[in-house]
PDB file of N, CA and C in Angstrom:
ATOM      1  N   ILE A   1      18.336 -20.128  -1.701  1.00  0.00           N
ATOM      2  CA  ILE A   1      17.727 -19.060  -2.401  1.00  0.00           C
ATOM      3  C   ILE A   1      16.676 -18.240  -1.480  1.00  0.00           C
ATOM      4  N   TYR A   2      16.173 -18.968  -0.464  1.00  0.00           N
ATOM      5  CA  TYR A   2      15.256 -18.392   0.539  1.00  0.00           C
ATOM      6  C   TYR A   2      15.985 -17.201   1.280  1.00  0.00           C
ATOM      7  N   SER A   3      17.132 -17.685   1.663  1.00  0.00           N
ATOM      8  CA  SER A   3      17.948 -16.665   2.482  1.00  0.00           C
ATOM      9  C   SER A   3      18.343 -15.495   1.676  1.00  0.00           C
ATOM     10  N   TYR A   4      18.714 -15.459   0.348  1.00  0.00           N
ATOM     11  CA  TYR A   4      18.797 -14.514  -0.474  1.00  0.00           C
ATOM     12  C   TYR A   4      17.508 -13.675  -0.516  1.00  0.00           C
ATOM     13  N   ALA A   5      16.525 -14.187  -0.719  1.00  0.00           N
ATOM     14  CA  ALA A   5      15.250 -13.523  -0.829  1.00  0.00           C
ATOM     15  C   ALA A   5      14.894 -12.750   0.540  1.00  0.00           C
ATOM     16  N   ALA A   6      15.179 -13.497   1.550  1.00  0.00           N
ATOM     17  CA  ALA A   6      14.994 -12.775   2.934  1.00  0.00           C
ATOM     18  C   ALA A   6      15.844 -11.600   3.157  1.00  0.00           C
ATOM     19  N   ALA A   7      17.023 -11.854   2.640  1.00  0.00           N
ATOM     20  CA  ALA A   7      18.104 -10.677   2.911  1.00  0.00           C
ATOM     21  C   ALA A   7      17.746  -9.572   1.994  1.00  0.00           C
ATOM     22  N   SER A   8      17.291  -9.788   0.717  1.00  0.00           N
ATOM     23  CA  SER A   8      16.920  -8.821  -0.210  1.00  0.00           C
ATOM     24  C   SER A   8      15.515  -7.989   0.314  1.00  0.00           C
ATOM     25  N   LYS A   9      14.597  -8.769   1.033  1.00  0.00           N
ATOM     26  CA  LYS A   9      13.540  -8.230   1.344  1.00  0.00           C
ATOM     27  C   LYS A   9      13.772  -7.326   2.805  1.00  0.00           C
ATOM     28  N   GLU A  10      14.698  -7.745   3.696  1.00  0.00           N
ATOM     29  CA  GLU A  10      15.171  -6.962   4.759  1.00  0.00           C
ATOM     30  C   GLU A  10      15.669  -5.607   4.232  1.00  0.00           C
ATOM     31  N   SER A  11      16.532  -5.697   3.267  1.00  0.00           N
ATOM     32  CA  SER A  11      17.260  -4.556   2.741  1.00  0.00           C
ATOM     33  C   SER A  11      16.360  -3.533   2.126  1.00  0.00           C
ATOM     34  N   CYS A  12      15.423  -4.231   1.280  1.00  0.00           N
ATOM     35  CA  CYS A  12      14.302  -3.285   0.541  1.00  0.00           C
ATOM     36  C   CYS A  12      13.383  -2.709   1.813  1.00  0.00           C
ATOM     37  N   ARG A  13      13.105  -3.342   2.682  1.00  0.00           N
ATOM     38  CA  ARG A  13      12.307  -2.828   3.935  1.00  0.00           C
ATOM     39  C   ARG A  13      12.919  -1.616   4.718  1.00  0.00           C
ATOM     40  N   ILE A  14      14.145  -1.860   4.845  1.00  0.00           N
ATOM     41  CA  ILE A  14      14.873  -0.866   5.680  1.00  0.00           C
ATOM     42  C   ILE A  14      14.977   0.436   4.894  1.00  0.00           C
ATOM     43  N   ARG A  15      15.358   0.207   3.631  1.00  0.00           N
ATOM     44  CA  ARG A  15      15.446   1.454   2.644  1.00  0.00           C
ATOM     45  C   ARG A  15      14.016   2.090   2.419  1.00  0.00           C
ATOM     46  N   ALA A  16      13.039   1.265   2.469  1.00  0.00           N
ATOM     47  CA  ALA A  16      11.676   1.863   2.371  1.00  0.00           C
ATOM     48  C   ALA A  16      11.376   2.496   3.374  1.00  0.00           C
ATOM     49  N   VAL A  17      11.561   1.921   4.656  1.00  0.00           N
ATOM     50  CA  VAL A  17      11.007   2.752   5.930  1.00  0.00           C
ATOM     51  C   VAL A  17      12.141   3.934   6.063  1.00  0.00           C
ATOM     52  N   TYR A  18      13.185   4.003   5.681  1.00  0.00           N
ATOM     53  CA  TYR A  18      14.067   5.103   5.890  1.00  0.00           C
ATOM     54  C   TYR A  18      13.562   6.175   4.909  1.00  0.00           C
ATOM     55  N   SER A  19      13.057   5.915   3.802  1.00  0.00           N
ATOM     56  CA  SER A  19      12.719   6.955   2.756  1.00  0.00           C
ATOM     57  C   SER A  19      11.337   7.323   3.082  1.00  0.00           C
ATOM     58  N   SER A  20      10.490   6.614   3.851  1.00  0.00           N
ATOM     59  CA  SER A  20       9.201   7.125   4.311  1.00  0.00           C
ATOM     60  C   SER A  20       9.426   8.310   5.257  1.00  0.00           C
ATOM     61  N   GLN A  21      10.538   8.601   5.852  1.00  0.00           N
ATOM     62  CA  GLN A  21      10.744   9.784   6.642  1.00  0.00           C
ATOM     63  C   GLN A  21      11.335  10.770   5.918  1.00  0.00           C
ATOM     64  N   LEU A  22      11.440  10.736   4.489  1.00  0.00           N
ATOM     65  CA  LEU A  22      11.955  11.888   3.728  1.00  0.00           C
ATOM     66  C   LEU A  22      10.664  12.214   2.715  1.00  0.00           C
ATOM     67  N   LEU A  23      11.086  12.670   1.562  1.00  0.00           N
ATOM     68  CA  LEU A  23       9.846  13.192   0.623  1.00  0.00           C
ATOM     69  C   LEU A  23       8.980  12.017   0.256  1.00  0.00           C
ATOM     70  N   LYS A  24       7.775  12.410   0.330  1.00  0.00           N
ATOM     71  CA  LYS A  24       6.591  11.376  -0.103  1.00  0.00           C
ATOM     72  C   LYS A  24       6.839  11.084  -1.553  1.00  0.00           C
ATOM     73  N   MET A  25       7.236  11.817  -2.305  1.00  0.00           N
ATOM     74  CA  MET A  25       7.351  11.321  -3.870  1.00  0.00           C
ATOM     75  C   MET A  25       8.367  10.236  -4.049  1.00  0.00           C
ATOM     76  N   ARG A  26       9.559  10.334  -3.319  1.00  0.00           N
ATOM     77  CA  ARG A  26      10.692   9.588  -3.451  1.00  0.00           C
ATOM     78  C   ARG A  26      10.181   8.077  -2.842  1.00  0.00           C
ATOM     79  N   ASN A  27       9.269   8.286  -1.741  1.00  0.00           N
ATOM     80  CA  ASN A  27       9.084   7.258  -0.896  1.00  0.00           C
ATOM     81  C   ASN A  27       7.859   6.316  -1.864  1.00  0.00           C
ATOM     82  N   VAL A  28       7.146   6.940  -2.515  1.00  0.00           N
ATOM     83  CA  VAL A  28       6.201   6.218  -3.508  1.00  0.00           C
ATOM     84  C   VAL A  28       6.848   5.533  -4.450  1.00  0.00           C
ATOM     85  N   LYS A  29       8.005   6.222  -5.115  1.00  0.00           N
ATOM     86  CA  LYS A  29       8.761   5.574  -6.172  1.00  0.00           C
ATOM     87  C   LYS A  29       9.540   4.266  -5.568  1.00  0.00           C
ATOM     88  N   LEU A  30       9.977   4.314  -4.375  1.00  0.00           N
ATOM     89  CA  LEU A  30      10.736   3.207  -3.870  1.00  0.00           C
ATOM     90  C   LEU A  30       9.658   2.113  -3.554  1.00  0.00           C
ATOM     91  N   VAL A  31       8.529   2.571  -3.001  1.00  0.00           N
ATOM     92  CA  VAL A  31       7.414   1.540  -2.776  1.00  0.00           C
ATOM     93  C   VAL A  31       7.038   0.829  -3.996  1.00  0.00           C
ATOM     94  N   VAL A  32       7.172   1.477  -5.202  1.00  0.00           N
ATOM     95  CA  VAL A  32       6.738   0.741  -6.287  1.00  0.00           C
ATOM     96  C   VAL A  32       7.850  -0.071  -6.681  1.00  0.00           C
ATOM     97  N   GLN A  33       9.046   0.339  -6.531  1.00  0.00           N
ATOM     98  CA  GLN A  33      10.136  -0.634  -7.103  1.00  0.00           C
ATOM     99  C   GLN A  33      10.136  -1.865  -6.017  1.00  0.00           C
ATOM    100  N   CYS A  34      10.325  -1.661  -4.690  1.00  0.00           N
ATOM    101  CA  CYS A  34      10.189  -2.767  -3.754  1.00  0.00           C
ATOM    102  C   CYS A  34       8.975  -3.630  -3.872  1.00  0.00           C
ATOM    103  N   GLY A  35       7.917  -2.900  -4.182  1.00  0.00           N
ATOM    104  CA  GLY A  35       6.493  -3.800  -4.283  1.00  0.00           C
ATOM    105  C   GLY A  35       6.582  -4.810  -5.395  1.00  0.00           C
ATOM    106  N   GLU A  36       7.135  -4.214  -6.593  1.00  0.00           N
ATOM    107  CA  GLU A  36       7.124  -5.113  -7.731  1.00  0.00           C
ATOM    108  C   GLU A  36       8.221  -6.312  -7.541  1.00  0.00           C
ATOM    109  N   TYR A  37       9.242  -6.128  -6.915  1.00  0.00           N
ATOM    110  CA  TYR A  37      10.215  -7.022  -6.618  1.00  0.00           C
ATOM    111  C   TYR A  37       9.876  -8.141  -5.685  1.00  0.00           C
ATOM    112  N   LEU A  38       9.052  -7.610  -4.496  1.00  0.00           N
ATOM    113  CA  LEU A  38       8.661  -8.471  -3.481  1.00  0.00           C
ATOM    114  C   LEU A  38       7.474  -9.409  -4.005  1.00  0.00           C
ATOM    115  N   LEU A  39       6.668  -8.790  -4.803  1.00  0.00           N
ATOM    116  CA  LEU A  39       5.486  -9.494  -5.538  1.00  0.00           C
ATOM    117  C   LEU A  39       6.001 -10.543  -6.276  1.00  0.00           C
ATOM    118  N   GLY A  40       7.013 -10.415  -6.875  1.00  0.00           N
ATOM    119  CA  GLY A  40       7.541 -11.405  -7.778  1.00  0.00           C
ATOM    120  C   GLY A  40       8.044 -12.621  -6.846  1.00  0.00           C
ATOM    121  N   LEU A  41       8.493 -12.439  -5.553  1.00  0.00           N
ATOM    122  CA  LEU A  41       8.964 -13.556  -4.913  1.00  0.00           C
ATOM    123  C   LEU A  41       7.687 -14.178  -4.151  1.00  0.00           C
ATOM    124  N   ARG A  42       7.148 -13.143  -3.380  1.00  0.00           N
ATOM    125  CA  ARG A  42       5.874 -13.665  -2.613  1.00  0.00           C
ATOM    126  C   ARG A  42       4.930 -12.719  -2.514  1.00  0.00           C
ATOM    127  N   VAL A  43       3.870 -12.992  -2.885  1.00  0.00           N
ATOM    128  CA  VAL A  43       2.689 -12.037  -3.097  1.00  0.00           C
ATOM    129  C   VAL A  43       2.255 -11.493  -1.763  1.00  0.00           C
ATOM    130  N   MET A  44       1.982 -12.399  -0.679  1.00  0.00           N
ATOM    131  CA  MET A  44       1.454 -11.984   0.495  1.00  0.00           C
ATOM    132  C   MET A  44       2.475 -11.171   1.302  1.00  0.00           C
ATOM    133  N   GLU A  45       3.697 -11.531   1.257  1.00  0.00           N
ATOM    134  CA  GLU A  45       5.001 -10.701   2.008  1.00  0.00           C
ATOM    135  C   GLU A  45       5.012  -9.382   1.312  1.00  0.00           C
ATOM    136  N   GLY A  46       4.808  -9.339  -0.021  1.00  0.00           N
ATOM    137  CA  GLY A  46       4.995  -7.929  -0.702  1.00  0.00           C
ATOM    138  C   GLY A  46       3.787  -7.091  -0.193  1.00  0.00           C
ATOM    139  N   LEU A  47       2.652  -7.595  -0.150  1.00  0.00           N
ATOM    140  CA  LEU A  47       1.521  -6.760   0.020  1.00  0.00           C
ATOM    141  C   LEU A  47       1.754  -6.351   1.615  1.00  0.00           C
ATOM    142  N   PHE A  48       1.989  -7.210   2.535  1.00  0.00           N
ATOM    143  CA  PHE A  48       2.147  -6.951   3.973  1.00  0.00           C
ATOM    144  C   PHE A  48       3.282  -5.835   3.972  1.00  0.00           C
ATOM    145  N   LEU A  49       4.197  -5.986   3.193  1.00  0.00           N
ATOM    146  CA  LEU A  49       5.383  -4.784   3.509  1.00  0.00           C
ATOM    147  C   LEU A  49       4.722  -3.495   2.937  1.00  0.00           C
ATOM    148  N   LEU A  50       4.014  -3.593   1.802  1.00  0.00           N
ATOM    149  CA  LEU A  50       3.338  -2.209   1.530  1.00  0.00           C
ATOM    150  C   LEU A  50       2.254  -1.641   2.317  1.00  0.00           C
ATOM    151  N   LEU A  51       1.569  -2.645   3.081  1.00  0.00           N
ATOM    152  CA  LEU A  51       0.655  -2.302   4.194  1.00  0.00           C
ATOM    153  C   LEU A  51       1.518  -1.571   5.332  1.00  0.00           C
ATOM    154  N   LEU A  52       2.422  -2.057   5.602  1.00  0.00           N
ATOM    155  CA  LEU A  52       3.234  -1.460   6.744  1.00  0.00           C
ATOM    156  C   LEU A  52       3.724  -0.099   6.533  1.00  0.00           C
ATOM    157  N   LEU A  53       4.191   0.103   5.165  1.00  0.00           N
ATOM    158  CA  LEU A  53       4.825   1.347   4.696  1.00  0.00           C
ATOM    159  C   LEU A  53       3.849   2.538   4.743  1.00  0.00           C
ATOM    160  N   PHE A  54       2.515   2.291   4.718  1.00  0.00           N
ATOM    161  CA  PHE A  54       1.605   3.348   4.663  1.00  0.00           C
ATOM    162  C   PHE A  54       0.949   3.337   6.017  1.00  0.00           C
ATOM    163  N   GLN A  55       1.508   2.820   7.185  1.00  0.00           N
ATOM    164  CA  GLN A  55       1.148   3.032   8.594  1.00  0.00           C
ATOM    165  C   GLN A  55       2.015   3.889   9.066  1.00  0.00           C
ATOM    166  N   PRO A  56       1.788   5.321   9.303  1.00  0.00           N
ATOM    167  CA  PRO A  56       2.628   6.188   9.947  1.00  0.00           C
ATOM    168  C   PRO A  56       3.366   5.814  11.351  1.00  0.00           C
ATOM    169  N   SER A  57       2.567   5.097  12.036  1.00  0.00           N
ATOM    170  CA  SER A  57       2.731   4.856  13.570  1.00  0.00           C
ATOM    171  C   SER A  57       3.627   3.469  13.427  1.00  0.00           C
ATOM    172  N   TYR A  58       3.932   3.117  12.396  1.00  0.00           N
ATOM    173  CA  TYR A  58       4.877   1.796  12.405  1.00  0.00           C
ATOM    174  C   TYR A  58       6.471   2.238  12.760  1.00  0.00           C
ATOM    175  N   GLN A  59       6.778   1.469  13.651  1.00  0.00           N
ATOM    176  CA  GLN A  59       8.180   1.648  14.073  1.00  0.00           C
ATOM    177  C   GLN A  59       8.970   0.382  14.004  1.00  0.00           C
ATOM    178  N   PRO A  60       9.816   0.593  12.974  1.00  0.00           N
ATOM    179  CA  PRO A  60      10.776  -0.826  12.618  1.00  0.00           C
ATOM    180  C   PRO A  60      11.699  -1.249  13.616  1.00  0.00           C
ATOM    181  N   PHE A  61      12.179  -0.195  14.420  1.00  0.00           N
ATOM    182  CA  PHE A  61      13.192  -0.472  15.538  1.00  0.00           C
ATOM    183  C   PHE A  61      12.707  -0.152  16.784  1.00  0.00           C
TER     184      PHE A  61
END
């Protein structure tokens, strides 16, 4: 179960980071979707992910 959650979180993070380089409105929509999903699994990890998404200097790769 944990590995499934980790894989889903990683996929969500990649899509979220990718969308952050596109339109802001689409990014907000994806952040909300991923945020709700992650908060359902782990509150702190979900909040940390959202925090990273709003840092323009964050480089995932």
